[in-house]
């Protein structure tokens, strides 16, 4: 599985960004789609995850502001980020967990910078 993330940028606090992750390869084996972030303090956090059954989960600090969705026709999932805060500044990585074989794949990071 290969993942290509995009959509990062510089935005003012309160603004919005949408990250995209395009998957290729053994897409049918993907069970969980997600987004991680690595903060300037090198903390790595799971921001959002979307199961193949449609269930989703979020980091507490982004609940109500971020939404993870997918478009199967484009082999793409998204992270809509609203009401961005300076604390959301990080490099964001899309991830995929596959079933067979069980593995975790990472896309390249995309930088999100939120200015106050």
Protein backbone atom coordinates (compact mmCIF):
# COMPACT_ATOMS: atom_id res chain seq x y z
CA UNK A 1 0.00 0.00 0.00
CA UNK A 2 1.31 3.42 -0.97
CA UNK A 3 -0.09 6.60 0.54
CA UNK A 4 0.21 10.15 -0.74
CA UNK A 5 -0.86 12.94 1.60
CA UNK A 6 -1.48 16.54 0.65
CA UNK A 7 -3.32 19.66 1.74
CA UNK A 8 -1.18 21.10 4.48
CA UNK A 9 -0.30 24.75 4.71
CA UNK A 10 -0.21 27.88 6.78
CA UNK A 11 -3.49 29.14 8.22
CA UNK A 12 -4.55 31.59 10.88
CA UNK A 13 -6.16 30.42 14.08
CA UNK A 14 -9.84 29.75 13.52
CA UNK A 15 -9.27 28.79 9.92
CA UNK A 16 -9.78 25.50 8.12
CA UNK A 17 -7.78 23.05 6.06
CA UNK A 18 -8.60 19.76 4.42
CA UNK A 19 -5.96 17.08 4.17
CA UNK A 20 -6.20 14.34 1.57
CA UNK A 21 -4.64 10.90 1.41
CA UNK A 22 -4.67 8.93 -1.83
CA UNK A 23 -4.02 5.22 -1.54
CA UNK A 24 -2.74 2.83 -4.17
CA UNK A 25 -1.71 -0.79 -4.22
CA UNK A 26 -3.55 -3.41 -2.14
CA UNK A 27 -6.38 -1.08 -1.22
CA UNK A 28 -8.87 -3.86 -0.60
CA UNK A 29 -6.80 -5.05 2.36
CA UNK A 30 -7.09 -1.73 4.21
CA UNK A 31 -9.11 -2.09 7.40
CA UNK A 32 -8.47 1.21 9.19
CA UNK A 33 -7.66 4.60 7.69
CA UNK A 34 -6.17 7.25 9.88
CA UNK A 35 -4.25 10.41 10.50
CA UNK A 36 -1.38 10.88 12.93
CA UNK A 37 0.49 14.04 13.72
CA UNK A 38 3.93 14.78 15.06
CA UNK A 39 4.11 18.02 16.99
CA UNK A 40 7.09 20.39 17.24
CA UNK A 41 7.84 18.75 20.60
CA UNK A 42 8.09 15.42 18.77
CA UNK A 43 4.94 14.05 20.33
CA UNK A 44 3.18 11.63 18.00
CA UNK A 45 -0.58 11.48 18.32
CA UNK A 46 -3.33 9.53 16.63
CA UNK A 47 -5.66 12.30 15.50
CA UNK A 48 -8.45 10.37 13.79
CA UNK A 49 -9.25 6.87 12.62
CA UNK A 50 -11.95 5.47 10.37
CA UNK A 51 -12.84 1.81 10.37
CA UNK A 52 -14.04 -0.11 7.34
CA UNK A 53 -17.42 -0.36 9.07
CA UNK A 54 -17.69 3.43 9.14
CA UNK A 55 -16.90 3.83 12.81
CA UNK A 56 -14.62 6.72 13.67
CA UNK A 57 -12.63 7.95 16.63
CA UNK A 58 -10.80 11.15 17.45
CA UNK A 59 -8.18 12.59 19.72
CA UNK A 60 -10.06 14.36 22.51
CA UNK A 61 -8.56 17.74 21.69
CA UNK A 62 -9.89 17.68 18.10
CA UNK A 63 -13.36 16.27 18.73
CA UNK A 64 -16.00 18.52 17.26
CA UNK A 65 -13.44 20.31 15.08
CA UNK A 66 -11.95 17.58 12.88
CA UNK A 67 -13.77 15.05 10.72
CA UNK A 68 -12.36 12.04 8.91
CA UNK A 69 -14.18 10.86 5.79
CA UNK A 70 -13.48 8.70 2.80
CA UNK A 71 -14.33 8.57 -0.89
CA UNK A 72 -14.09 5.00 -2.12
CA UNK A 73 -14.43 6.05 -5.74
CA UNK A 74 -11.18 7.99 -5.44
CA UNK A 75 -9.36 5.67 -3.00
CA UNK A 76 -8.97 8.73 -0.86
CA UNK A 77 -9.67 9.77 2.68
CA UNK A 78 -9.75 13.23 4.13
CA UNK A 79 -9.25 15.08 7.34
CA UNK A 80 -11.39 18.21 7.49
CA UNK A 81 -9.92 20.49 10.13
CA UNK A 82 -12.00 23.43 11.32
CA UNK A 83 -11.46 26.00 14.04
CA UNK A 84 -7.75 25.35 13.90
CA UNK A 85 -5.64 26.31 16.90
CA UNK A 86 -1.90 26.96 17.17
CA UNK A 87 -1.68 23.71 19.14
CA UNK A 88 -2.71 21.85 15.99
CA UNK A 89 0.58 22.81 14.36
CA UNK A 90 2.29 19.57 13.39
CA UNK A 91 3.34 17.34 10.55
CA UNK A 92 0.33 15.22 9.66
CA UNK A 93 0.70 11.68 8.33
CA UNK A 94 -1.97 9.50 6.83
CA UNK A 95 -1.87 5.84 7.77
CA UNK A 96 -3.48 2.59 6.75
CA UNK A 97 -3.78 -0.64 8.69
CA UNK A 98 -4.22 -3.71 6.55
CA UNK A 99 -5.61 -7.12 7.37
CA UNK A 100 -3.66 -9.51 5.20
CA UNK A 101 -0.84 -9.17 5.91
CA UNK A 102 -1.39 -7.20 9.10
CA UNK A 103 0.70 -4.10 8.70
CA UNK A 104 0.75 -0.35 9.23
CA UNK A 105 1.58 1.91 6.33
CA UNK A 106 2.59 5.56 6.47
CA UNK A 107 2.30 8.30 3.91
CA UNK A 108 4.75 11.15 3.74
CA UNK A 109 3.97 14.00 6.09
CA UNK A 110 2.28 17.25 5.26
CA UNK A 111 3.01 20.31 7.36
CA UNK A 112 0.18 22.19 9.02
CA UNK A 113 1.07 25.47 10.66
CA UNK A 114 -1.51 27.51 12.55
CA UNK A 115 -0.55 31.05 13.42
CA UNK A 116 -2.08 32.90 16.36
